[in-house]
Amino acid sequence: MKKSICLVCVALLLLLPCGCKKPKLKGLVPGSGTITLNGEPVEDALITFSPINPGADQRSASAKSGPNGSFNLLTLEPGDGIFPGEYKVMAKKTRTTGSNIVLDPDDRRNPAAMDDRVTVHLLPQKYGHPAATDLTVTIPAKGNKSIELKLEGDVDSTPISSSQFKR
């Protein structure tokens, strides 16, 4: 009896690592760099690389910039990279204050009943919209570890209340 229990335990331990692996995408290459606004590093920017010609071998990749503006692109998991190709790049950084308490849970369609959050954009808004951004990057077959995203322009820091958004 003890022998069969030991055999079952050993078999389970051998099978355990097989179920823990995450799927990896073939063809990903390194993608990293820095993001600046008017020459100054941008921390906590959300960066998205969206394929200009999407296909089976292209997917979006994203990153969040660190304290010195550095970022490492990911497609499925942190640092796994990006597919070679041409990308439109979007960058967004906002600060939100206030609470998201619903004042009247029975009246969610009434903007006055919604939260009092206020959002401020900390980068020029054109970089946050696919139709407006003029940033493009081509990732070569071997990858690129020195991408420079140089944002220019003034920031419109006019607060936007959550009640201004259409629900």
Protein backbone atom coordinates (compact mmCIF):
# COMPACT_ATOMS: atom_id res chain seq x y z
CA MET A 1 0.00 0.00 0.00
CA LYS A 2 2.76 2.45 0.97
CA LYS A 3 4.62 1.61 -2.22
CA SER A 4 1.62 2.46 -4.45
CA ILE A 5 1.03 5.74 -2.61
CA CYS A 6 4.69 6.67 -3.08
CA LEU A 7 4.48 5.85 -6.80
CA VAL A 8 1.39 8.02 -7.20
CA CYS A 9 3.09 10.92 -5.36
CA VAL A 10 6.21 10.64 -7.52
CA ALA A 11 4.08 10.54 -10.69
CA LEU A 12 2.18 13.66 -9.60
CA LEU A 13 5.41 15.52 -8.83
CA LEU A 14 6.77 14.67 -12.27
CA LEU A 15 3.60 15.90 -13.98
CA LEU A 16 3.28 19.09 -11.93
CA PRO A 17 5.80 21.20 -13.91
CA CYS A 18 4.07 20.30 -17.20
CA GLY A 19 0.89 22.14 -16.27
CA CYS A 20 2.61 25.31 -15.03
CA LYS A 21 4.19 26.57 -18.23
CA LYS A 22 2.62 29.57 -19.89
CA PRO A 23 2.28 29.55 -23.66
CA LYS A 24 5.05 31.47 -25.41
CA LEU A 25 4.60 33.20 -28.73
CA LYS A 26 7.19 32.31 -31.33
CA GLY A 27 8.83 35.18 -33.16
CA LEU A 28 8.88 37.78 -30.38
CA VAL A 29 11.99 39.96 -30.29
CA PRO A 30 13.32 42.36 -27.62
CA GLY A 31 11.71 45.79 -27.50
CA SER A 32 12.75 48.42 -24.98
CA GLY A 33 13.69 52.06 -24.79
CA THR A 34 12.85 55.39 -23.19
CA ILE A 35 10.04 57.90 -23.35
CA THR A 36 10.51 61.65 -22.89
CA LEU A 37 8.30 64.74 -23.01
CA ASN A 38 10.10 67.86 -24.22
CA GLY A 39 13.40 66.15 -23.36
CA GLU A 40 12.43 65.08 -19.81
CA PRO A 41 11.93 61.39 -18.87
CA VAL A 42 8.31 60.36 -18.31
CA GLU A 43 7.55 58.00 -15.44
CA ASP A 44 4.37 55.87 -15.28
CA ALA A 45 3.33 56.41 -18.89
CA LEU A 46 1.18 53.65 -20.39
CA ILE A 47 2.66 52.87 -23.81
CA THR A 48 0.91 50.82 -26.50
CA PHE A 49 2.39 49.64 -29.79
CA SER A 50 -0.47 48.86 -32.18
CA PRO A 51 0.32 47.09 -35.50
CA ILE A 52 -0.18 49.28 -38.58
CA ASN A 53 -0.86 46.14 -40.67
CA PRO A 54 -2.28 43.61 -38.21
CA GLY A 55 -1.94 39.98 -39.15
CA ALA A 56 -1.40 36.53 -37.73
CA ASP A 57 2.20 37.36 -36.87
CA GLN A 58 1.47 40.79 -35.34
CA ARG A 59 -0.14 41.75 -32.05
CA SER A 60 -0.21 44.81 -29.87
CA ALA A 61 2.45 45.17 -27.20
CA SER A 62 2.53 47.47 -24.21
CA ALA A 63 4.64 48.74 -21.34
CA LYS A 64 4.65 51.09 -18.38
CA SER A 65 7.62 53.44 -18.11
CA GLY A 66 9.87 53.49 -15.06
CA PRO A 67 11.39 56.40 -13.13
CA ASN A 68 13.92 57.30 -15.83
CA GLY A 69 11.42 56.86 -18.66
CA SER A 70 12.66 53.36 -19.50
CA PHE A 71 10.27 50.64 -20.66
CA ASN A 72 10.29 46.97 -21.73
CA LEU A 73 7.57 45.85 -24.11
CA LEU A 74 5.36 42.87 -23.40
CA THR A 75 2.92 40.95 -25.56
CA LEU A 76 1.74 38.20 -23.18
CA GLU A 77 3.95 38.49 -20.12
CA PRO A 78 6.41 41.05 -18.74
CA GLY A 79 9.51 41.48 -20.88
CA ASP A 80 8.62 38.85 -23.51
CA GLY A 81 8.96 41.41 -26.31
CA ILE A 82 7.19 42.35 -29.52
CA PHE A 83 6.80 41.01 -33.04
CA PRO A 84 8.90 42.63 -35.79
CA GLY A 85 6.92 45.10 -37.92
CA GLU A 86 5.52 48.61 -38.14
CA TYR A 87 3.60 50.08 -35.21
CA LYS A 88 1.60 53.16 -34.34
CA VAL A 89 2.55 54.17 -30.80
CA MET A 90 0.26 55.65 -28.19
CA ALA A 91 1.31 57.03 -24.81
CA LYS A 92 -0.98 58.12 -22.01
CA LYS A 93 -0.49 59.32 -18.46
CA THR A 94 -3.28 60.58 -16.26
CA ARG A 95 -3.87 61.41 -12.62
CA THR A 96 -7.29 60.78 -11.12
CA THR A 97 -8.49 62.23 -7.84
CA GLY A 98 -11.75 61.86 -5.95
CA SER A 99 -13.80 58.81 -5.07
CA ASN A 100 -15.77 56.45 -7.23
CA ILE A 101 -18.66 56.09 -4.86
CA VAL A 102 -22.02 55.84 -6.58
CA LEU A 103 -24.32 58.18 -4.73
CA ASP A 104 -27.53 56.51 -5.90
CA PRO A 105 -27.00 52.86 -6.96
CA ASP A 106 -30.56 52.74 -8.38
CA ASP A 107 -29.87 55.58 -10.81
CA ARG A 108 -26.58 54.67 -12.55
CA ARG A 109 -27.55 56.48 -15.78
CA ASN A 110 -27.89 59.85 -14.05
CA PRO A 111 -24.47 61.59 -14.23
CA ALA A 112 -25.28 63.53 -11.05
CA ALA A 113 -25.57 60.23 -9.21
CA MET A 114 -22.13 59.07 -10.27
CA ASP A 115 -18.76 59.45 -8.62
CA ASP A 116 -16.80 62.65 -8.17
CA ARG A 117 -13.56 61.53 -9.84
CA VAL A 118 -11.56 64.10 -11.76
CA THR A 119 -8.94 63.10 -14.33
CA VAL A 120 -6.05 65.26 -15.50
CA HIS A 121 -3.96 64.36 -18.57
CA LEU A 122 -0.22 64.66 -17.96
CA LEU A 123 0.88 64.16 -21.58
CA PRO A 124 -0.36 65.88 -24.74
CA GLN A 125 -3.65 64.13 -25.45
CA LYS A 126 -2.89 63.52 -29.13
CA TYR A 127 -0.45 60.76 -28.13
CA GLY A 128 -3.23 58.86 -26.38
CA HIS A 129 -5.46 58.43 -29.44
CA PRO A 130 -4.75 56.08 -32.37
CA ALA A 131 -6.14 58.50 -34.95
CA ALA A 132 -4.17 61.49 -33.62
CA THR A 133 -0.75 60.14 -32.66
CA ASP A 134 2.08 60.73 -35.09
CA LEU A 135 4.45 58.30 -33.37
CA THR A 136 5.44 55.29 -35.45
CA VAL A 137 8.17 52.71 -34.83
CA THR A 138 9.49 49.90 -37.00
CA ILE A 139 10.78 46.90 -35.06
CA PRO A 140 13.46 45.01 -37.03
CA ALA A 141 13.75 41.20 -37.14
CA LYS A 142 16.36 41.21 -34.37
CA GLY A 143 14.43 43.61 -32.14
CA ASN A 144 15.32 47.05 -30.82
CA LYS A 145 16.60 47.78 -27.31
CA SER A 146 17.05 51.51 -27.85
CA ILE A 147 13.63 52.82 -28.93
CA GLU A 148 13.33 56.55 -28.30
CA LEU A 149 9.82 57.93 -27.95
CA LYS A 150 10.27 61.70 -28.03
CA LEU A 151 6.99 63.41 -27.22
CA GLU A 152 6.74 67.14 -27.83
CA GLY A 153 4.13 69.74 -26.99
CA ASP A 154 2.09 71.36 -24.29
CA VAL A 155 -0.04 69.46 -21.83
CA ASP A 156 -3.70 70.42 -21.51
CA SER A 157 -4.17 69.77 -17.81
CA THR A 158 -7.79 70.90 -17.73
CA PRO A 159 -9.52 68.59 -15.23
CA ILE A 160 -12.15 66.30 -16.71
CA SER A 161 -14.94 65.29 -14.34
CA SER A 162 -16.28 61.75 -14.53
CA SER A 163 -19.76 63.24 -15.00
CA GLN A 164 -18.56 64.69 -18.34
CA PHE A 165 -18.06 61.18 -19.74
CA LYS A 166 -21.00 59.64 -21.55
CA ARG A 167 -22.25 56.50 -19.87
